[in-house]
Amino acid sequence: MKSKAFVVFIGIIGVIFSMKVDYVHAEDTSQFYYSTWISGIYIRKEDKSTGYVQNQQARFTRRKGDGIPVYCVETGVEVLSDELYDANTDVDNKVLAKITGFTPEQINKVKLIAYYGYGYNGQYDDKWYAATQVLIWRTVYPNMDIYYTDKFKGEKIENLVAEEKQIMDLVNNHLLDFDFEPIDELTINDEITLTDKNNVLQNYDVESTDNIEVQKEDNSLIIKAKEVGDAKIKFTRKPNRFGYLPVLYTNANSQDLIMAGDFDVVERSIDLTVKEEEIPDEPEEPEEPKEVITVEVPNTYQDENNLVFSSSIISIILGNIFIN
């Protein structure tokens, strides 16, 4: 019996990742075989904590009957061409994590590597298959040193750097959310333009809008507030490559394998509030200047010895009398 540890296929993540709760596990008649060697590409896998070392030349693994390429997700386990496999499809990442022992994040990344790797945008040169396979191994065995050599059991070299970078740039870009200037409120009839700094908006379609009018131009949104109330813009990102879901093939005696397929639809949204236009209060009229009339009148008072006359000022302001 082999030790169990493996990976999955292709999919997607995002802010809202379309997660499934059930999966299909069925006996299959599928069988697999090692196909052609890939010229000039050699790989070494080392686990320094255990002393494990495996040297190999890159080669394709394919499904019998239709020749669809698949990827190995274990190390040190052979593909036995006479074994029948169980097929796990329509599978949620959390479920696969329980099956494989990997994390949902590892599984999701492997799905995306398979999707954006060999065959994506017509990249069918053999080197793209080798780069995809190595990136999958590195994802599920992060503590293992996996690299290219100049020959079988040769010296470590830099190889397929550009190919690996292109695949991982696509994967990492896929995982990015929008980055707009923060805004959560608009006034009725306002029109604003938001530009996505992460440049991923161009990969999404505007699915629906509430209380606002939206026009998408590349990585920008032109938004016009139409109705007062809560507003929402819903976006979707849909796969356009395979037309079928990925499959994880498992067998207790043979190498577990992954066949790439479409990722789940990604959904994102923006929430806003549209408010009424504020009408400013009318300014108060300035007070008219008040007329002050000052008169001098005699004021008398008497002490114990004398009757004294003095003067006081009486100021009359709009009918009020103030005596100083």
C-alpha atoms as a PDB file:
ATOM      1  CA  MET A   1       0.000   0.000   0.000  1.00  0.00           C
ATOM      2  CA  LYS A   2       1.192   3.508  -0.769  1.00  0.00           C
ATOM      3  CA  SER A   3       1.293   6.394   1.658  1.00  0.00           C
ATOM      4  CA  LYS A   4      -1.566   8.778   0.927  1.00  0.00           C
ATOM      5  CA  ALA A   5      -0.872  12.392  -0.005  1.00  0.00           C
ATOM      6  CA  PHE A   6      -2.132  14.075  -3.097  1.00  0.00           C
ATOM      7  CA  VAL A   7      -3.653  17.093  -4.771  1.00  0.00           C
ATOM      8  CA  VAL A   8      -6.476  18.279  -6.983  1.00  0.00           C
ATOM      9  CA  PHE A   9      -7.348  20.095 -10.126  1.00  0.00           C
ATOM     10  CA  ILE A  10      -8.523  23.502 -11.181  1.00  0.00           C
ATOM     11  CA  GLY A  11     -10.893  26.006  -9.770  1.00  0.00           C
ATOM     12  CA  ILE A  12     -11.064  29.491  -8.358  1.00  0.00           C
ATOM     13  CA  ILE A  13     -11.191  31.622  -5.350  1.00  0.00           C
ATOM     14  CA  GLY A  14     -12.154  35.121  -4.762  1.00  0.00           C
ATOM     15  CA  VAL A  15     -13.974  37.163  -2.286  1.00  0.00           C
ATOM     16  CA  ILE A  16     -17.006  35.039  -2.884  1.00  0.00           C
ATOM     17  CA  PHE A  17     -15.992  31.605  -4.088  1.00  0.00           C
ATOM     18  CA  SER A  18     -18.870  29.494  -5.370  1.00  0.00           C
ATOM     19  CA  MET A  19     -18.536  26.633  -2.898  1.00  0.00           C
ATOM     20  CA  LYS A  20     -20.284  23.291  -3.342  1.00  0.00           C
ATOM     21  CA  VAL A  21     -21.379  21.113  -0.460  1.00  0.00           C
ATOM     22  CA  ASP A  22     -21.616  17.728  -2.200  1.00  0.00           C
ATOM     23  CA  TYR A  23     -19.350  15.827  -4.508  1.00  0.00           C
ATOM     24  CA  VAL A  24     -19.569  12.861  -6.794  1.00  0.00           C
ATOM     25  CA  HIS A  25     -17.445   9.842  -5.902  1.00  0.00           C
ATOM     26  CA  ALA A  26     -17.886   7.047  -8.412  1.00  0.00           C
ATOM     27  CA  GLU A  27     -16.074   4.018  -9.665  1.00  0.00           C
ATOM     28  CA  ASP A  28     -14.681   4.721 -13.105  1.00  0.00           C
ATOM     29  CA  THR A  29     -13.357   2.629 -15.924  1.00  0.00           C
ATOM     30  CA  SER A  30     -10.530   5.115 -16.434  1.00  0.00           C
ATOM     31  CA  GLN A  31      -6.989   3.885 -16.634  1.00  0.00           C
ATOM     32  CA  PHE A  32      -3.800   5.888 -17.050  1.00  0.00           C
ATOM     33  CA  TYR A  33      -0.320   5.428 -18.418  1.00  0.00           C
ATOM     34  CA  TYR A  34       3.039   7.124 -18.703  1.00  0.00           C
ATOM     35  CA  SER A  35       3.379   8.683 -22.132  1.00  0.00           C
ATOM     36  CA  THR A  36       6.233  10.439 -23.946  1.00  0.00           C
ATOM     37  CA  TRP A  37       9.370  11.706 -22.265  1.00  0.00           C
ATOM     38  CA  ILE A  38      10.001  15.444 -22.396  1.00  0.00           C
ATOM     39  CA  SER A  39      13.382  16.062 -23.919  1.00  0.00           C
ATOM     40  CA  GLY A  40      16.022  17.889 -21.901  1.00  0.00           C
ATOM     41  CA  ILE A  41      13.975  18.464 -18.727  1.00  0.00           C
ATOM     42  CA  TYR A  42      15.115  16.669 -15.576  1.00  0.00           C
ATOM     43  CA  ILE A  43      13.686  17.043 -12.063  1.00  0.00           C
ATOM     44  CA  ARG A  44      14.928  16.266  -8.570  1.00  0.00           C
ATOM     45  CA  LYS A  45      12.767  16.121  -5.444  1.00  0.00           C
ATOM     46  CA  GLU A  46      14.484  16.219  -2.057  1.00  0.00           C
ATOM     47  CA  ASP A  47      13.105  16.085   1.460  1.00  0.00           C
ATOM     48  CA  LYS A  48      16.075  16.920   3.675  1.00  0.00           C
ATOM     49  CA  SER A  49      14.138  16.139   6.851  1.00  0.00           C
ATOM     50  CA  THR A  50      13.735  12.487   5.808  1.00  0.00           C
ATOM     51  CA  GLY A  51      16.592  12.039   3.329  1.00  0.00           C
ATOM     52  CA  TYR A  52      14.152  11.240   0.518  1.00  0.00           C
ATOM     53  CA  VAL A  53      15.534  11.933  -2.996  1.00  0.00           C
ATOM     54  CA  GLN A  54      13.900  11.207  -6.353  1.00  0.00           C
ATOM     55  CA  ASN A  55      15.461  11.948  -9.740  1.00  0.00           C
ATOM     56  CA  GLN A  56      13.427  11.719 -12.924  1.00  0.00           C
ATOM     57  CA  GLN A  57      13.060  12.929 -16.460  1.00  0.00           C
ATOM     58  CA  ALA A  58       9.852  14.859 -17.129  1.00  0.00           C
ATOM     59  CA  ARG A  59       7.183  12.943 -19.032  1.00  0.00           C
ATOM     60  CA  PHE A  60       3.488  13.058 -19.735  1.00  0.00           C
ATOM     61  CA  THR A  61       0.870  11.015 -17.927  1.00  0.00           C
ATOM     62  CA  ARG A  62      -2.332  10.458 -19.909  1.00  0.00           C
ATOM     63  CA  ARG A  63      -5.732   8.881 -19.626  1.00  0.00           C
ATOM     64  CA  LYS A  64      -6.283   5.791 -21.731  1.00  0.00           C
ATOM     65  CA  GLY A  65      -8.760   6.072 -24.556  1.00  0.00           C
ATOM     66  CA  ASP A  66      -8.682   9.829 -25.198  1.00  0.00           C
ATOM     67  CA  GLY A  67      -5.090  10.721 -24.244  1.00  0.00           C
ATOM     68  CA  ILE A  68      -6.110  13.663 -22.025  1.00  0.00           C
ATOM     69  CA  PRO A  69      -3.081  14.730 -19.962  1.00  0.00           C
ATOM     70  CA  VAL A  70      -3.289  14.467 -16.190  1.00  0.00           C
ATOM     71  CA  TYR A  71      -0.875  15.374 -13.394  1.00  0.00           C
ATOM     72  CA  CYS A  72       0.669  13.306 -10.626  1.00  0.00           C
ATOM     73  CA  VAL A  73      -0.044  14.569  -7.137  1.00  0.00           C
ATOM     74  CA  GLU A  74       2.156  12.239  -5.125  1.00  0.00           C
ATOM     75  CA  THR A  75       5.871  11.563  -4.997  1.00  0.00           C
ATOM     76  CA  GLY A  76       7.518   8.158  -5.105  1.00  0.00           C
ATOM     77  CA  VAL A  77       4.387   6.354  -6.323  1.00  0.00           C
ATOM     78  CA  GLU A  78       4.113   4.779  -9.766  1.00  0.00           C
ATOM     79  CA  VAL A  79       1.174   4.946 -12.155  1.00  0.00           C
ATOM     80  CA  LEU A  80      -0.031   1.369 -12.652  1.00  0.00           C
ATOM     81  CA  SER A  81      -1.616   1.206 -16.072  1.00  0.00           C
ATOM     82  CA  ASP A  82      -3.866  -1.787 -15.304  1.00  0.00           C
ATOM     83  CA  GLU A  83      -5.523  -0.201 -12.259  1.00  0.00           C
ATOM     84  CA  LEU A  84      -9.049   1.238 -12.379  1.00  0.00           C
ATOM     85  CA  TYR A  85      -9.591   4.555 -10.644  1.00  0.00           C
ATOM     86  CA  ASP A  86     -12.317   6.210  -8.597  1.00  0.00           C
ATOM     87  CA  ALA A  87     -13.321   9.619  -9.969  1.00  0.00           C
ATOM     88  CA  ASN A  88     -14.043  12.527  -7.619  1.00  0.00           C
ATOM     89  CA  THR A  89     -15.690  15.407  -9.443  1.00  0.00           C
ATOM     90  CA  ASP A  90     -17.917  18.386  -8.654  1.00  0.00           C
ATOM     91  CA  VAL A  91     -15.861  18.575  -5.479  1.00  0.00           C
ATOM     92  CA  ASP A  92     -15.750  21.299  -2.850  1.00  0.00           C
ATOM     93  CA  ASN A  93     -12.271  22.331  -1.647  1.00  0.00           C
ATOM     94  CA  LYS A  94     -13.110  21.529   1.962  1.00  0.00           C
ATOM     95  CA  VAL A  95     -14.243  18.046   1.010  1.00  0.00           C
ATOM     96  CA  LEU A  96     -11.095  17.471  -1.018  1.00  0.00           C
ATOM     97  CA  ALA A  97      -9.017  18.650   1.915  1.00  0.00           C
ATOM     98  CA  LYS A  98     -10.474  15.802   3.936  1.00  0.00           C
ATOM     99  CA  ILE A  99      -9.791  13.333   1.126  1.00  0.00           C
ATOM    100  CA  THR A 100      -6.233  14.444   0.460  1.00  0.00           C
ATOM    101  CA  GLY A 101      -4.936  15.790   3.750  1.00  0.00           C
ATOM    102  CA  PHE A 102      -3.973  19.070   2.089  1.00  0.00           C
ATOM    103  CA  THR A 103      -5.457  22.449   2.979  1.00  0.00           C
ATOM    104  CA  PRO A 104      -8.336  23.993   1.003  1.00  0.00           C
ATOM    105  CA  GLU A 105      -5.931  26.798   0.023  1.00  0.00           C
ATOM    106  CA  GLN A 106      -3.418  24.330  -1.419  1.00  0.00           C
ATOM    107  CA  ILE A 107      -6.156  22.527  -3.301  1.00  0.00           C
ATOM    108  CA  ASN A 108      -7.526  25.729  -4.753  1.00  0.00           C
ATOM    109  CA  LYS A 109      -4.096  26.850  -5.918  1.00  0.00           C
ATOM    110  CA  VAL A 110      -3.450  23.498  -7.581  1.00  0.00           C
ATOM    111  CA  LYS A 111      -6.730  23.830  -9.456  1.00  0.00           C
ATOM    112  CA  LEU A 112      -5.686  27.231 -10.738  1.00  0.00           C
ATOM    113  CA  ILE A 113      -2.193  26.036 -11.705  1.00  0.00           C
ATOM    114  CA  ALA A 114      -3.776  23.257 -13.760  1.00  0.00           C
ATOM    115  CA  TYR A 115      -6.191  25.703 -15.372  1.00  0.00           C
ATOM    116  CA  TYR A 116      -3.582  28.330 -16.290  1.00  0.00           C
ATOM    117  CA  GLY A 117      -0.800  25.866 -17.056  1.00  0.00           C
ATOM    118  CA  TYR A 118      -0.288  23.518 -19.992  1.00  0.00           C
ATOM    119  CA  GLY A 119      -2.640  24.298 -22.896  1.00  0.00           C
ATOM    120  CA  TYR A 120      -3.825  27.682 -21.625  1.00  0.00           C
ATOM    121  CA  ASN A 121      -3.968  30.211 -24.488  1.00  0.00           C
ATOM    122  CA  GLY A 122      -2.560  27.610 -26.855  1.00  0.00           C
ATOM    123  CA  GLN A 123       0.570  26.863 -24.827  1.00  0.00           C
ATOM    124  CA  TYR A 124       1.005  23.237 -25.900  1.00  0.00           C
ATOM    125  CA  ASP A 125       4.766  23.030 -26.004  1.00  0.00           C
ATOM    126  CA  ASP A 126       5.895  20.117 -23.808  1.00  0.00           C
ATOM    127  CA  LYS A 127       7.799  22.456 -21.473  1.00  0.00           C
ATOM    128  CA  TRP A 128       4.492  23.924 -20.263  1.00  0.00           C
ATOM    129  CA  TYR A 129       3.370  20.503 -19.051  1.00  0.00           C
ATOM    130  CA  ALA A 130       6.630  20.042 -17.132  1.00  0.00           C
ATOM    131  CA  ALA A 131       6.344  23.507 -15.554  1.00  0.00           C
ATOM    132  CA  THR A 132       2.733  22.837 -14.536  1.00  0.00           C
ATOM    133  CA  GLN A 133       3.625  19.488 -12.975  1.00  0.00           C
ATOM    134  CA  VAL A 134       6.522  20.942 -10.969  1.00  0.00           C
ATOM    135  CA  LEU A 135       4.382  23.836  -9.666  1.00  0.00           C
ATOM    136  CA  ILE A 136       1.717  21.367  -8.502  1.00  0.00           C
ATOM    137  CA  TRP A 137       4.284  19.320  -6.585  1.00  0.00           C
ATOM    138  CA  ARG A 138       5.736  22.444  -4.975  1.00  0.00           C
ATOM    139  CA  THR A 139       2.280  23.565  -3.886  1.00  0.00           C
ATOM    140  CA  VAL A 140       1.378  20.353  -2.076  1.00  0.00           C
ATOM    141  CA  TYR A 141       4.897  19.635  -0.793  1.00  0.00           C
ATOM    142  CA  PRO A 142       6.071  23.078   0.393  1.00  0.00           C
ATOM    143  CA  ASN A 143       8.796  21.593   2.603  1.00  0.00           C
ATOM    144  CA  MET A 144      10.336  19.628  -0.244  1.00  0.00           C
ATOM    145  CA  ASP A 145      13.046  21.099  -2.473  1.00  0.00           C
ATOM    146  CA  ILE A 146      11.923  20.468  -6.065  1.00  0.00           C
ATOM    147  CA  TYR A 147      14.140  21.764  -8.856  1.00  0.00           C
ATOM    148  CA  TYR A 148      15.562  21.125 -12.324  1.00  0.00           C
ATOM    149  CA  THR A 149      18.903  19.509 -13.136  1.00  0.00           C
ATOM    150  CA  ASP A 150      21.136  19.634 -16.183  1.00  0.00           C
ATOM    151  CA  LYS A 151      20.819  15.868 -16.696  1.00  0.00           C
ATOM    152  CA  PHE A 152      19.477  12.802 -14.930  1.00  0.00           C
ATOM    153  CA  LYS A 153      20.966  12.927 -11.403  1.00  0.00           C
ATOM    154  CA  GLY A 154      22.829  16.040 -12.521  1.00  0.00           C
ATOM    155  CA  GLU A 155      23.503  19.468 -11.053  1.00  0.00           C
ATOM    156  CA  LYS A 156      20.860  21.997 -10.092  1.00  0.00           C
ATOM    157  CA  ILE A 157      20.072  24.566 -12.797  1.00  0.00           C
ATOM    158  CA  GLU A 158      17.625  27.391 -13.448  1.00  0.00           C
ATOM    159  CA  ASN A 159      15.035  26.212 -15.959  1.00  0.00           C
ATOM    160  CA  LEU A 160      11.516  27.157 -17.096  1.00  0.00           C
ATOM    161  CA  VAL A 161      11.713  30.341 -15.020  1.00  0.00           C
ATOM    162  CA  ALA A 162       9.648  32.416 -17.455  1.00  0.00           C
ATOM    163  CA  GLU A 163       7.047  29.664 -17.888  1.00  0.00           C
ATOM    164  CA  GLU A 164       6.585  29.158 -14.162  1.00  0.00           C
ATOM    165  CA  LYS A 165       6.390  32.905 -13.575  1.00  0.00           C
ATOM    166  CA  GLN A 166       3.725  33.342 -16.227  1.00  0.00           C
ATOM    167  CA  ILE A 167       1.577  30.580 -14.748  1.00  0.00           C
ATOM    168  CA  MET A 168       1.910  31.876 -11.183  1.00  0.00           C
ATOM    169  CA  ASP A 169       1.269  35.481 -12.222  1.00  0.00           C
ATOM    170  CA  LEU A 170      -2.039  34.326 -13.703  1.00  0.00           C
ATOM    171  CA  VAL A 171      -2.851  32.319 -10.582  1.00  0.00           C
ATOM    172  CA  ASN A 172      -2.021  35.160  -8.206  1.00  0.00           C
ATOM    173  CA  ASN A 173      -3.899  37.672 -10.344  1.00  0.00           C
ATOM    174  CA  HIS A 174      -6.902  35.361 -10.271  1.00  0.00           C
ATOM    175  CA  LEU A 175      -6.890  35.462  -6.468  1.00  0.00           C
ATOM    176  CA  LEU A 176      -6.918  39.282  -6.301  1.00  0.00           C
ATOM    177  CA  ASP A 177      -9.993  41.271  -5.368  1.00  0.00           C
ATOM    178  CA  PHE A 178     -10.878  44.672  -6.825  1.00  0.00           C
ATOM    179  CA  ASP A 179      -9.033  47.695  -5.459  1.00  0.00           C
ATOM    180  CA  PHE A 180     -11.217  50.790  -5.892  1.00  0.00           C
ATOM    181  CA  GLU A 181     -11.061  54.109  -4.105  1.00  0.00           C
ATOM    182  CA  PRO A 182     -13.316  53.651  -1.066  1.00  0.00           C
ATOM    183  CA  ILE A 183     -16.825  55.008  -1.573  1.00  0.00           C
ATOM    184  CA  ASP A 184     -20.056  53.896   0.039  1.00  0.00           C
ATOM    185  CA  GLU A 185     -22.474  56.739  -0.649  1.00  0.00           C
ATOM    186  CA  LEU A 186     -23.724  58.651  -3.682  1.00  0.00           C
ATOM    187  CA  THR A 187     -26.204  61.473  -4.142  1.00  0.00           C
ATOM    188  CA  ILE A 188     -29.038  60.991  -6.613  1.00  0.00           C
ATOM    189  CA  ASN A 189     -27.909  61.766 -10.201  1.00  0.00           C
ATOM    190  CA  ASP A 190     -24.221  61.738  -9.209  1.00  0.00           C
ATOM    191  CA  GLU A 191     -21.879  60.183 -11.777  1.00  0.00           C
ATOM    192  CA  ILE A 192     -18.479  58.856 -10.758  1.00  0.00           C
ATOM    193  CA  THR A 193     -15.712  56.756 -12.319  1.00  0.00           C
ATOM    194  CA  LEU A 194     -13.940  54.045 -10.308  1.00  0.00           C
ATOM    195  CA  THR A 195     -10.728  52.437 -11.575  1.00  0.00           C
ATOM    196  CA  ASP A 196      -9.490  49.074 -10.328  1.00  0.00           C
ATOM    197  CA  LYS A 197      -5.848  49.437  -9.287  1.00  0.00           C
ATOM    198  CA  ASN A 198      -5.381  45.651  -9.353  1.00  0.00           C
ATOM    199  CA  ASN A 199      -6.419  45.448 -13.028  1.00  0.00           C
ATOM    200  CA  VAL A 200      -8.690  42.444 -12.525  1.00  0.00           C
ATOM    201  CA  LEU A 201     -12.040  44.094 -13.268  1.00  0.00           C
ATOM    202  CA  GLN A 202     -11.481  43.442 -16.977  1.00  0.00           C
ATOM    203  CA  ASN A 203     -11.905  39.708 -16.282  1.00  0.00           C
ATOM    204  CA  TYR A 204     -15.410  40.162 -14.820  1.00  0.00           C
ATOM    205  CA  ASP A 205     -18.858  40.800 -16.263  1.00  0.00           C
ATOM    206  CA  VAL A 206     -21.397  43.095 -14.632  1.00  0.00           C
ATOM    207  CA  GLU A 207     -24.173  40.665 -13.768  1.00  0.00           C
ATOM    208  CA  SER A 208     -26.775  42.994 -12.255  1.00  0.00           C
ATOM    209  CA  THR A 209     -27.282  46.415 -10.679  1.00  0.00           C
ATOM    210  CA  ASP A 210     -29.826  47.932  -8.279  1.00  0.00           C
ATOM    211  CA  ASN A 211     -30.747  51.653  -8.219  1.00  0.00           C
ATOM    212  CA  ILE A 212     -27.712  52.635 -10.284  1.00  0.00           C
ATOM    213  CA  GLU A 213     -26.608  52.628 -13.892  1.00  0.00           C
ATOM    214  CA  VAL A 214     -23.211  51.022 -14.575  1.00  0.00           C
ATOM    215  CA  GLN A 215     -20.959  50.983 -17.602  1.00  0.00           C
ATOM    216  CA  LYS A 216     -17.717  48.944 -17.568  1.00  0.00           C
ATOM    217  CA  GLU A 217     -14.754  50.000 -19.672  1.00  0.00           C
ATOM    218  CA  ASP A 218     -11.720  47.726 -19.231  1.00  0.00           C
ATOM    219  CA  ASN A 219     -10.709  48.284 -15.601  1.00  0.00           C
ATOM    220  CA  SER A 220     -13.016  51.230 -14.917  1.00  0.00           C
ATOM    221  CA  LEU A 221     -16.641  51.573 -13.865  1.00  0.00           C
ATOM    222  CA  ILE A 222     -18.800  54.564 -14.717  1.00  0.00           C
ATOM    223  CA  ILE A 223     -21.575  54.690 -12.120  1.00  0.00           C
ATOM    224  CA  LYS A 224     -24.644  56.958 -12.158  1.00  0.00           C
ATOM    225  CA  ALA A 225     -27.035  57.062  -9.216  1.00  0.00           C
ATOM    226  CA  LYS A 226     -30.613  56.655 -10.470  1.00  0.00           C
ATOM    227  CA  GLU A 227     -32.837  55.806  -7.501  1.00  0.00           C
ATOM    228  CA  VAL A 228     -32.665  56.565  -3.793  1.00  0.00           C
ATOM    229  CA  GLY A 229     -31.943  53.558  -1.570  1.00  0.00           C
ATOM    230  CA  ASP A 230     -29.491  50.693  -1.224  1.00  0.00           C
ATOM    231  CA  ALA A 231     -27.499  49.960  -4.384  1.00  0.00           C
ATOM    232  CA  LYS A 232     -25.528  46.874  -5.376  1.00  0.00           C
ATOM    233  CA  ILE A 233     -23.338  45.930  -8.331  1.00  0.00           C
ATOM    234  CA  LYS A 234     -22.865  42.184  -8.851  1.00  0.00           C
ATOM    235  CA  PHE A 235     -19.944  40.810 -10.879  1.00  0.00           C
ATOM    236  CA  THR A 236     -19.173  37.319 -12.143  1.00  0.00           C
ATOM    237  CA  ARG A 237     -16.062  35.699 -13.540  1.00  0.00           C
ATOM    238  CA  LYS A 238     -16.723  32.595 -15.611  1.00  0.00           C
ATOM    239  CA  PRO A 239     -14.327  30.006 -17.018  1.00  0.00           C
ATOM    240  CA  ASN A 240     -14.099  29.633 -20.768  1.00  0.00           C
ATOM    241  CA  ARG A 241     -11.653  26.815 -21.357  1.00  0.00           C
ATOM    242  CA  PHE A 242     -12.815  23.238 -20.804  1.00  0.00           C
ATOM    243  CA  GLY A 243     -16.570  22.990 -20.495  1.00  0.00           C
ATOM    244  CA  TYR A 244     -16.290  20.341 -17.760  1.00  0.00           C
ATOM    245  CA  LEU A 245     -15.270  20.159 -14.120  1.00  0.00           C
ATOM    246  CA  PRO A 246     -11.890  18.966 -12.849  1.00  0.00           C
ATOM    247  CA  VAL A 247     -11.500  15.397 -11.630  1.00  0.00           C
ATOM    248  CA  LEU A 248      -9.357  13.914  -8.897  1.00  0.00           C
ATOM    249  CA  TYR A 249      -8.640  10.251  -9.684  1.00  0.00           C
ATOM    250  CA  THR A 250      -7.732   8.078  -6.709  1.00  0.00           C
ATOM    251  CA  ASN A 251      -6.548   4.512  -6.356  1.00  0.00           C
ATOM    252  CA  ALA A 252      -5.220   2.792  -3.233  1.00  0.00           C
ATOM    253  CA  ASN A 253      -2.436   1.036  -5.142  1.00  0.00           C
ATOM    254  CA  SER A 254      -1.478   3.568  -7.797  1.00  0.00           C
ATOM    255  CA  GLN A 255      -0.473   7.228  -8.166  1.00  0.00           C
ATOM    256  CA  ASP A 256      -3.338   9.632  -7.556  1.00  0.00           C
ATOM    257  CA  LEU A 257      -3.942  11.974 -10.465  1.00  0.00           C
ATOM    258  CA  ILE A 258      -5.652  15.214 -11.321  1.00  0.00           C
ATOM    259  CA  MET A 259      -7.321  16.196 -14.577  1.00  0.00           C
ATOM    260  CA  ALA A 260      -7.761  19.928 -15.130  1.00  0.00           C
ATOM    261  CA  GLY A 261     -11.219  21.401 -15.597  1.00  0.00           C
ATOM    262  CA  ASP A 262     -13.109  24.669 -15.260  1.00  0.00           C
ATOM    263  CA  PHE A 263     -13.071  26.667 -12.052  1.00  0.00           C
ATOM    264  CA  ASP A 264     -16.288  27.547 -10.237  1.00  0.00           C
ATOM    265  CA  VAL A 265     -17.867  30.869 -11.131  1.00  0.00           C
ATOM    266  CA  VAL A 266     -16.501  33.684  -8.960  1.00  0.00           C
ATOM    267  CA  GLU A 267     -18.956  36.254  -7.629  1.00  0.00           C
ATOM    268  CA  ARG A 268     -18.072  39.655  -6.213  1.00  0.00           C
ATOM    269  CA  SER A 269     -20.142  42.716  -5.365  1.00  0.00           C
ATOM    270  CA  ILE A 270     -20.014  46.383  -4.423  1.00  0.00           C
ATOM    271  CA  ASP A 271     -22.584  47.873  -2.029  1.00  0.00           C
ATOM    272  CA  LEU A 272     -23.523  51.560  -2.076  1.00  0.00           C
ATOM    273  CA  THR A 273     -26.220  53.867  -0.734  1.00  0.00           C
ATOM    274  CA  VAL A 274     -27.931  56.483  -2.896  1.00  0.00           C
ATOM    275  CA  LYS A 275     -29.289  59.434  -0.936  1.00  0.00           C
ATOM    276  CA  GLU A 276     -31.479  62.419  -1.707  1.00  0.00           C
ATOM    277  CA  GLU A 277     -29.861  65.642  -2.776  1.00  0.00           C
ATOM    278  CA  GLU A 278     -29.428  67.912   0.217  1.00  0.00           C
ATOM    279  CA  ILE A 279     -31.144  71.309  -0.155  1.00  0.00           C
ATOM    280  CA  PRO A 280     -29.304  73.960   1.870  1.00  0.00           C
ATOM    281  CA  ASP A 281     -31.306  76.080   4.331  1.00  0.00           C
ATOM    282  CA  GLU A 282     -32.096  79.633   3.218  1.00  0.00           C
ATOM    283  CA  PRO A 283     -29.810  82.147   4.953  1.00  0.00           C
ATOM    284  CA  GLU A 284     -31.375  84.379   7.618  1.00  0.00           C
ATOM    285  CA  GLU A 285     -31.894  88.017   6.685  1.00  0.00           C
ATOM    286  CA  PRO A 286     -29.525  90.343   8.536  1.00  0.00           C
ATOM    287  CA  GLU A 287     -31.058  92.441  11.291  1.00  0.00           C
ATOM    288  CA  GLU A 288     -31.754  96.092  10.503  1.00  0.00           C
ATOM    289  CA  PRO A 289     -29.567  98.494  12.478  1.00  0.00           C
ATOM    290  CA  LYS A 290     -31.286  99.672  15.638  1.00  0.00           C
ATOM    291  CA  GLU A 291     -31.777 103.361  16.291  1.00  0.00           C
ATOM    292  CA  VAL A 292     -30.372 104.559  19.595  1.00  0.00           C
ATOM    293  CA  ILE A 293     -31.752 107.764  21.180  1.00  0.00           C
ATOM    294  CA  THR A 294     -29.798 109.170  24.092  1.00  0.00           C
ATOM    295  CA  VAL A 295     -31.252 111.879  26.348  1.00  0.00           C
ATOM    296  CA  GLU A 296     -29.956 113.530  29.482  1.00  0.00           C
ATOM    297  CA  VAL A 297     -32.452 113.859  32.345  1.00  0.00           C
ATOM    298  CA  PRO A 298     -32.050 115.009  35.868  1.00  0.00           C
ATOM    299  CA  ASN A 299     -31.824 112.339  38.481  1.00  0.00           C
ATOM    300  CA  THR A 300     -32.281 113.165  42.150  1.00  0.00           C
ATOM    301  CA  TYR A 301     -31.587 111.402  45.331  1.00  0.00           C
ATOM    302  CA  GLN A 302     -31.486 112.523  48.944  1.00  0.00           C
ATOM    303  CA  ASP A 303     -29.082 111.469  51.638  1.00  0.00           C
ATOM    304  CA  GLU A 304     -29.285 112.236  55.314  1.00  0.00           C
ATOM    305  CA  ASN A 305     -27.999 115.786  54.990  1.00  0.00           C
ATOM    306  CA  ASN A 306     -28.429 117.125  51.486  1.00  0.00           C
ATOM    307  CA  LEU A 307     -30.614 116.991  48.401  1.00  0.00           C
ATOM    308  CA  VAL A 308     -28.295 116.283  45.476  1.00  0.00           C
ATOM    309  CA  PHE A 309     -29.114 116.639  41.771  1.00  0.00           C
ATOM    310  CA  SER A 310     -27.057 114.751  39.182  1.00  0.00           C
ATOM    311  CA  SER A 311     -27.611 113.640  35.604  1.00  0.00           C
ATOM    312  CA  SER A 312     -28.098 110.222  34.076  1.00  0.00           C
ATOM    313  CA  ILE A 313     -28.068 109.020  30.545  1.00  0.00           C
ATOM    314  CA  ILE A 314     -31.119 107.149  29.329  1.00  0.00           C
ATOM    315  CA  SER A 315     -30.563 105.085  26.184  1.00  0.00           C
ATOM    316  CA  ILE A 316     -33.717 104.121  24.329  1.00  0.00           C
ATOM    317  CA  ILE A 317     -33.240 101.175  21.905  1.00  0.00           C
ATOM    318  CA  LEU A 318     -36.318 100.106  20.014  1.00  0.00           C
ATOM    319  CA  GLY A 319     -38.589 100.872  22.961  1.00  0.00           C
ATOM    320  CA  ASN A 320     -36.369  99.474  25.708  1.00  0.00           C
ATOM    321  CA  ILE A 321     -35.005 101.919  28.262  1.00  0.00           C
ATOM    322  CA  PHE A 322     -31.610 101.379  29.800  1.00  0.00           C
ATOM    323  CA  ILE A 323     -30.477 103.738  32.578  1.00  0.00           C
ATOM    324  CA  ASN A 324     -26.734 104.272  32.993  1.00  0.00           C
END
